[in-house]
Amino acid sequence: MTNSAFDTPEAAEAAFYLALENADAALMHAVWDDGPDLVCVHPMWPELHGHRAIFAAWRRMFAGGPHLTVSTVSVLQRRDGQLATHVVHEQLNLRGDDSHQPPVIATNVYRQTDSGWRMIVHHASPTPTVTVDEDTVLH
Protein backbone atom coordinates (compact mmCIF):
# COMPACT_ATOMS: atom_id res chain seq x y z
CA MET A 1 0.00 0.00 0.00
CA THR A 2 2.93 2.39 0.52
CA ASN A 3 3.45 2.88 -3.22
CA SER A 4 -0.26 3.36 -3.95
CA ALA A 5 -1.82 6.45 -5.35
CA PHE A 6 -4.88 7.45 -3.36
CA ASP A 7 -7.81 7.87 -5.74
CA THR A 8 -9.89 9.87 -3.26
CA PRO A 9 -9.27 12.08 -0.25
CA GLU A 10 -11.15 9.46 1.79
CA ALA A 11 -8.65 6.78 0.73
CA ALA A 12 -5.75 9.03 1.73
CA GLU A 13 -7.41 9.70 5.09
CA ALA A 14 -8.02 6.01 5.75
CA ALA A 15 -4.32 5.36 5.03
CA PHE A 16 -3.30 8.24 7.33
CA TYR A 17 -5.16 6.76 10.30
CA LEU A 18 -3.98 3.24 9.50
CA ALA A 19 -0.39 4.52 9.46
CA LEU A 20 -0.97 6.32 12.77
CA GLU A 21 -2.44 3.25 14.46
CA ASN A 22 0.26 0.89 13.13
CA ALA A 23 3.19 3.32 13.57
CA ASP A 24 3.89 2.78 9.86
CA ALA A 25 6.32 5.49 8.74
CA ALA A 26 6.43 4.27 5.13
CA LEU A 27 2.64 4.46 4.78
CA MET A 28 2.57 7.85 6.54
CA HIS A 29 5.19 9.07 4.07
CA ALA A 30 3.02 7.87 1.16
CA VAL A 31 0.02 9.81 2.47
CA TRP A 32 1.77 13.20 2.69
CA ASP A 33 2.55 15.36 -0.30
CA ASP A 34 6.19 16.30 -0.76
CA GLY A 35 5.75 20.01 -1.48
CA PRO A 36 7.22 22.83 0.61
CA ASP A 37 3.85 24.06 1.94
CA LEU A 38 3.05 21.27 4.40
CA VAL A 39 1.85 22.00 7.94
CA CYS A 40 1.28 19.60 10.83
CA VAL A 41 0.08 20.50 14.32
CA HIS A 42 -0.21 17.78 16.95
CA PRO A 43 -2.16 18.53 20.14
CA MET A 44 -0.11 20.72 22.47
CA TRP A 45 2.89 20.73 20.07
CA PRO A 46 4.32 23.66 18.12
CA GLU A 47 3.39 23.80 14.47
CA LEU A 48 5.67 21.93 12.10
CA HIS A 49 6.38 23.23 8.60
CA GLY A 50 7.79 21.28 5.70
CA HIS A 51 8.50 17.68 4.96
CA ARG A 52 11.70 17.40 7.03
CA ALA A 53 10.23 18.71 10.30
CA ILE A 54 6.99 16.79 9.94
CA PHE A 55 8.69 13.47 9.29
CA ALA A 56 11.22 13.93 12.06
CA ALA A 57 8.23 14.20 14.41
CA TRP A 58 6.50 11.12 12.94
CA ARG A 59 9.72 9.10 13.26
CA ARG A 60 9.98 10.08 16.96
CA MET A 61 6.32 9.25 17.55
CA PHE A 62 6.62 5.88 15.80
CA ALA A 63 9.99 4.88 17.32
CA GLY A 64 8.33 2.87 20.10
CA GLY A 65 6.17 0.90 17.66
CA PRO A 66 2.38 0.71 17.57
CA HIS A 67 0.86 1.89 20.84
CA LEU A 68 -2.42 3.57 19.86
CA THR A 69 -5.87 2.48 18.88
CA VAL A 70 -7.48 4.99 16.56
CA SER A 71 -11.04 5.55 15.44
CA THR A 72 -12.58 8.57 13.79
CA VAL A 73 -15.98 10.16 13.30
CA SER A 74 -16.42 12.39 10.27
CA VAL A 75 -17.80 15.83 11.08
CA LEU A 76 -17.44 17.58 7.72
CA GLN A 77 -16.10 16.78 4.25
CA ARG A 78 -15.78 19.41 1.57
CA ARG A 79 -14.12 19.18 -1.84
CA ASP A 80 -13.38 22.23 -3.97
CA GLY A 81 -11.50 21.43 -7.15
CA GLN A 82 -8.09 20.01 -6.25
CA LEU A 83 -8.48 20.56 -2.48
CA ALA A 84 -10.49 18.59 0.05
CA THR A 85 -11.00 19.50 3.70
CA HIS A 86 -12.09 16.97 6.31
CA VAL A 87 -12.91 17.65 9.95
CA VAL A 88 -12.93 14.57 12.15
CA HIS A 89 -13.11 13.64 15.80
CA GLU A 90 -10.20 11.32 16.55
CA GLN A 91 -10.56 8.84 19.38
CA LEU A 92 -6.99 7.98 20.38
CA ASN A 93 -6.30 5.53 23.18
CA LEU A 94 -3.22 3.75 24.39
CA ARG A 95 -3.43 0.04 23.63
CA GLY A 96 -4.46 -1.86 26.72
CA ASP A 97 -5.81 1.29 28.43
CA ASP A 98 -9.57 1.06 28.91
CA SER A 99 -10.00 4.63 30.11
CA HIS A 100 -12.04 6.83 27.80
CA GLN A 101 -10.21 9.95 26.63
CA PRO A 102 -11.98 12.94 25.09
CA PRO A 103 -11.73 13.05 21.31
CA VAL A 104 -9.21 15.18 19.47
CA ILE A 105 -10.62 17.52 16.83
CA ALA A 106 -8.62 17.36 13.61
CA THR A 107 -8.73 19.22 10.34
CA ASN A 108 -7.09 17.39 7.44
CA VAL A 109 -6.52 19.01 4.05
CA TYR A 110 -5.73 17.00 0.93
CA ARG A 111 -4.53 18.13 -2.49
CA GLN A 112 -5.05 16.24 -5.73
CA THR A 113 -1.67 15.67 -7.39
CA ASP A 114 -0.38 13.66 -10.32
CA SER A 115 0.27 10.94 -7.70
CA GLY A 116 -3.30 10.98 -6.37
CA TRP A 117 -4.72 12.69 -3.29
CA ARG A 118 -2.08 13.61 -0.70
CA MET A 119 -2.25 15.28 2.71
CA ILE A 120 -0.92 18.84 2.99
CA VAL A 121 -2.29 19.89 6.42
CA HIS A 122 -3.05 17.98 9.61
CA HIS A 123 -4.10 20.17 12.55
CA ALA A 124 -5.24 18.39 15.68
CA SER A 125 -6.44 20.11 18.85
CA PRO A 126 -7.72 18.93 22.22
CA THR A 127 -11.46 19.01 22.70
CA PRO A 128 -12.49 22.33 24.26
CA THR A 129 -13.39 22.25 27.93
CA VAL A 130 -15.94 25.05 27.57
CA THR A 131 -19.13 25.30 25.57
CA VAL A 132 -19.32 28.12 23.06
CA ASP A 133 -22.67 29.61 22.12
CA GLU A 134 -23.60 32.60 19.97
CA ASP A 135 -23.20 35.01 22.93
CA THR A 136 -19.68 33.86 23.84
CA VAL A 137 -16.96 36.39 23.06
CA LEU A 138 -14.04 34.50 21.56
CA HIS A 139 -11.50 37.22 20.80
C-alpha atoms as a PDB file:
ATOM      1  CA  MET A   1       0.000   0.000   0.000  1.00  0.00           C
ATOM      2  CA  THR A   2       2.929   2.388   0.518  1.00  0.00           C
ATOM      3  CA  ASN A   3       3.447   2.884  -3.220  1.00  0.00           C
ATOM      4  CA  SER A   4      -0.262   3.357  -3.950  1.00  0.00           C
ATOM      5  CA  ALA A   5      -1.821   6.452  -5.348  1.00  0.00           C
ATOM      6  CA  PHE A   6      -4.877   7.447  -3.357  1.00  0.00           C
ATOM      7  CA  ASP A   7      -7.814   7.867  -5.742  1.00  0.00           C
ATOM      8  CA  THR A   8      -9.892   9.870  -3.264  1.00  0.00           C
ATOM      9  CA  PRO A   9      -9.270  12.077  -0.245  1.00  0.00           C
ATOM     10  CA  GLU A  10     -11.147   9.462   1.786  1.00  0.00           C
ATOM     11  CA  ALA A  11      -8.646   6.779   0.730  1.00  0.00           C
ATOM     12  CA  ALA A  12      -5.750   9.032   1.734  1.00  0.00           C
ATOM     13  CA  GLU A  13      -7.410   9.704   5.085  1.00  0.00           C
ATOM     14  CA  ALA A  14      -8.018   6.006   5.752  1.00  0.00           C
ATOM     15  CA  ALA A  15      -4.325   5.361   5.026  1.00  0.00           C
ATOM     16  CA  PHE A  16      -3.297   8.237   7.333  1.00  0.00           C
ATOM     17  CA  TYR A  17      -5.163   6.763  10.298  1.00  0.00           C
ATOM     18  CA  LEU A  18      -3.982   3.236   9.500  1.00  0.00           C
ATOM     19  CA  ALA A  19      -0.393   4.525   9.461  1.00  0.00           C
ATOM     20  CA  LEU A  20      -0.974   6.321  12.769  1.00  0.00           C
ATOM     21  CA  GLU A  21      -2.437   3.251  14.457  1.00  0.00           C
ATOM     22  CA  ASN A  22       0.262   0.895  13.131  1.00  0.00           C
ATOM     23  CA  ALA A  23       3.188   3.324  13.565  1.00  0.00           C
ATOM     24  CA  ASP A  24       3.889   2.783   9.858  1.00  0.00           C
ATOM     25  CA  ALA A  25       6.316   5.492   8.743  1.00  0.00           C
ATOM     26  CA  ALA A  26       6.426   4.265   5.128  1.00  0.00           C
ATOM     27  CA  LEU A  27       2.645   4.462   4.778  1.00  0.00           C
ATOM     28  CA  MET A  28       2.571   7.849   6.540  1.00  0.00           C
ATOM     29  CA  HIS A  29       5.191   9.072   4.073  1.00  0.00           C
ATOM     30  CA  ALA A  30       3.022   7.871   1.158  1.00  0.00           C
ATOM     31  CA  VAL A  31       0.024   9.814   2.469  1.00  0.00           C
ATOM     32  CA  TRP A  32       1.768  13.197   2.692  1.00  0.00           C
ATOM     33  CA  ASP A  33       2.555  15.364  -0.301  1.00  0.00           C
ATOM     34  CA  ASP A  34       6.190  16.305  -0.758  1.00  0.00           C
ATOM     35  CA  GLY A  35       5.753  20.007  -1.485  1.00  0.00           C
ATOM     36  CA  PRO A  36       7.220  22.833   0.612  1.00  0.00           C
ATOM     37  CA  ASP A  37       3.851  24.064   1.937  1.00  0.00           C
ATOM     38  CA  LEU A  38       3.053  21.269   4.399  1.00  0.00           C
ATOM     39  CA  VAL A  39       1.848  21.998   7.939  1.00  0.00           C
ATOM     40  CA  CYS A  40       1.284  19.599  10.828  1.00  0.00           C
ATOM     41  CA  VAL A  41       0.082  20.498  14.320  1.00  0.00           C
ATOM     42  CA  HIS A  42      -0.212  17.778  16.947  1.00  0.00           C
ATOM     43  CA  PRO A  43      -2.164  18.532  20.145  1.00  0.00           C
ATOM     44  CA  MET A  44      -0.108  20.721  22.474  1.00  0.00           C
ATOM     45  CA  TRP A  45       2.892  20.727  20.072  1.00  0.00           C
ATOM     46  CA  PRO A  46       4.320  23.657  18.124  1.00  0.00           C
ATOM     47  CA  GLU A  47       3.389  23.800  14.475  1.00  0.00           C
ATOM     48  CA  LEU A  48       5.674  21.932  12.104  1.00  0.00           C
ATOM     49  CA  HIS A  49       6.379  23.232   8.604  1.00  0.00           C
ATOM     50  CA  GLY A  50       7.789  21.285   5.704  1.00  0.00           C
ATOM     51  CA  HIS A  51       8.499  17.679   4.962  1.00  0.00           C
ATOM     52  CA  ARG A  52      11.700  17.398   7.028  1.00  0.00           C
ATOM     53  CA  ALA A  53      10.230  18.713  10.303  1.00  0.00           C
ATOM     54  CA  ILE A  54       6.987  16.795   9.935  1.00  0.00           C
ATOM     55  CA  PHE A  55       8.688  13.466   9.289  1.00  0.00           C
ATOM     56  CA  ALA A  56      11.224  13.931  12.060  1.00  0.00           C
ATOM     57  CA  ALA A  57       8.229  14.198  14.411  1.00  0.00           C
ATOM     58  CA  TRP A  58       6.502  11.118  12.942  1.00  0.00           C
ATOM     59  CA  ARG A  59       9.721   9.100  13.263  1.00  0.00           C
ATOM     60  CA  ARG A  60       9.976  10.081  16.955  1.00  0.00           C
ATOM     61  CA  MET A  61       6.315   9.247  17.547  1.00  0.00           C
ATOM     62  CA  PHE A  62       6.623   5.875  15.804  1.00  0.00           C
ATOM     63  CA  ALA A  63       9.988   4.882  17.325  1.00  0.00           C
ATOM     64  CA  GLY A  64       8.326   2.869  20.096  1.00  0.00           C
ATOM     65  CA  GLY A  65       6.174   0.903  17.665  1.00  0.00           C
ATOM     66  CA  PRO A  66       2.383   0.714  17.571  1.00  0.00           C
ATOM     67  CA  HIS A  67       0.864   1.892  20.841  1.00  0.00           C
ATOM     68  CA  LEU A  68      -2.416   3.572  19.860  1.00  0.00           C
ATOM     69  CA  THR A  69      -5.873   2.481  18.879  1.00  0.00           C
ATOM     70  CA  VAL A  70      -7.483   4.991  16.560  1.00  0.00           C
ATOM     71  CA  SER A  71     -11.043   5.547  15.436  1.00  0.00           C
ATOM     72  CA  THR A  72     -12.583   8.573  13.786  1.00  0.00           C
ATOM     73  CA  VAL A  73     -15.981  10.156  13.304  1.00  0.00           C
ATOM     74  CA  SER A  74     -16.415  12.388  10.267  1.00  0.00           C
ATOM     75  CA  VAL A  75     -17.805  15.829  11.080  1.00  0.00           C
ATOM     76  CA  LEU A  76     -17.435  17.577   7.718  1.00  0.00           C
ATOM     77  CA  GLN A  77     -16.097  16.779   4.252  1.00  0.00           C
ATOM     78  CA  ARG A  78     -15.781  19.409   1.567  1.00  0.00           C
ATOM     79  CA  ARG A  79     -14.123  19.177  -1.836  1.00  0.00           C
ATOM     80  CA  ASP A  80     -13.383  22.234  -3.971  1.00  0.00           C
ATOM     81  CA  GLY A  81     -11.502  21.425  -7.150  1.00  0.00           C
ATOM     82  CA  GLN A  82      -8.090  20.013  -6.248  1.00  0.00           C
ATOM     83  CA  LEU A  83      -8.477  20.558  -2.485  1.00  0.00           C
ATOM     84  CA  ALA A  84     -10.491  18.595   0.053  1.00  0.00           C
ATOM     85  CA  THR A  85     -11.001  19.504   3.703  1.00  0.00           C
ATOM     86  CA  HIS A  86     -12.088  16.970   6.307  1.00  0.00           C
ATOM     87  CA  VAL A  87     -12.914  17.655   9.946  1.00  0.00           C
ATOM     88  CA  VAL A  88     -12.934  14.571  12.145  1.00  0.00           C
ATOM     89  CA  HIS A  89     -13.107  13.641  15.797  1.00  0.00           C
ATOM     90  CA  GLU A  90     -10.205  11.320  16.547  1.00  0.00           C
ATOM     91  CA  GLN A  91     -10.560   8.842  19.377  1.00  0.00           C
ATOM     92  CA  LEU A  92      -6.991   7.978  20.379  1.00  0.00           C
ATOM     93  CA  ASN A  93      -6.300   5.531  23.184  1.00  0.00           C
ATOM     94  CA  LEU A  94      -3.215   3.749  24.390  1.00  0.00           C
ATOM     95  CA  ARG A  95      -3.427   0.040  23.630  1.00  0.00           C
ATOM     96  CA  GLY A  96      -4.463  -1.858  26.717  1.00  0.00           C
ATOM     97  CA  ASP A  97      -5.805   1.287  28.426  1.00  0.00           C
ATOM     98  CA  ASP A  98      -9.570   1.056  28.912  1.00  0.00           C
ATOM     99  CA  SER A  99     -10.003   4.634  30.107  1.00  0.00           C
ATOM    100  CA  HIS A 100     -12.042   6.831  27.802  1.00  0.00           C
ATOM    101  CA  GLN A 101     -10.206   9.950  26.631  1.00  0.00           C
ATOM    102  CA  PRO A 102     -11.984  12.939  25.092  1.00  0.00           C
ATOM    103  CA  PRO A 103     -11.727  13.054  21.312  1.00  0.00           C
ATOM    104  CA  VAL A 104      -9.208  15.184  19.471  1.00  0.00           C
ATOM    105  CA  ILE A 105     -10.624  17.522  16.831  1.00  0.00           C
ATOM    106  CA  ALA A 106      -8.623  17.358  13.608  1.00  0.00           C
ATOM    107  CA  THR A 107      -8.729  19.220  10.336  1.00  0.00           C
ATOM    108  CA  ASN A 108      -7.088  17.386   7.444  1.00  0.00           C
ATOM    109  CA  VAL A 109      -6.521  19.012   4.055  1.00  0.00           C
ATOM    110  CA  TYR A 110      -5.735  16.997   0.932  1.00  0.00           C
ATOM    111  CA  ARG A 111      -4.528  18.130  -2.488  1.00  0.00           C
ATOM    112  CA  GLN A 112      -5.051  16.236  -5.732  1.00  0.00           C
ATOM    113  CA  THR A 113      -1.671  15.673  -7.388  1.00  0.00           C
ATOM    114  CA  ASP A 114      -0.380  13.661 -10.323  1.00  0.00           C
ATOM    115  CA  SER A 115       0.267  10.945  -7.702  1.00  0.00           C
ATOM    116  CA  GLY A 116      -3.301  10.981  -6.368  1.00  0.00           C
ATOM    117  CA  TRP A 117      -4.715  12.686  -3.291  1.00  0.00           C
ATOM    118  CA  ARG A 118      -2.084  13.606  -0.695  1.00  0.00           C
ATOM    119  CA  MET A 119      -2.252  15.280   2.712  1.00  0.00           C
ATOM    120  CA  ILE A 120      -0.924  18.841   2.994  1.00  0.00           C
ATOM    121  CA  VAL A 121      -2.294  19.885   6.416  1.00  0.00           C
ATOM    122  CA  HIS A 122      -3.050  17.980   9.609  1.00  0.00           C
ATOM    123  CA  HIS A 123      -4.098  20.170  12.548  1.00  0.00           C
ATOM    124  CA  ALA A 124      -5.245  18.388  15.681  1.00  0.00           C
ATOM    125  CA  SER A 125      -6.440  20.113  18.854  1.00  0.00           C
ATOM    126  CA  PRO A 126      -7.720  18.932  22.216  1.00  0.00           C
ATOM    127  CA  THR A 127     -11.460  19.012  22.703  1.00  0.00           C
ATOM    128  CA  PRO A 128     -12.491  22.334  24.260  1.00  0.00           C
ATOM    129  CA  THR A 129     -13.388  22.246  27.932  1.00  0.00           C
ATOM    130  CA  VAL A 130     -15.939  25.048  27.567  1.00  0.00           C
ATOM    131  CA  THR A 131     -19.125  25.301  25.568  1.00  0.00           C
ATOM    132  CA  VAL A 132     -19.322  28.124  23.062  1.00  0.00           C
ATOM    133  CA  ASP A 133     -22.665  29.614  22.119  1.00  0.00           C
ATOM    134  CA  GLU A 134     -23.603  32.602  19.972  1.00  0.00           C
ATOM    135  CA  ASP A 135     -23.203  35.007  22.934  1.00  0.00           C
ATOM    136  CA  THR A 136     -19.685  33.859  23.839  1.00  0.00           C
ATOM    137  CA  VAL A 137     -16.964  36.392  23.061  1.00  0.00           C
ATOM    138  CA  LEU A 138     -14.038  34.502  21.563  1.00  0.00           C
ATOM    139  CA  HIS A 139     -11.498  37.224  20.795  1.00  0.00           C
END
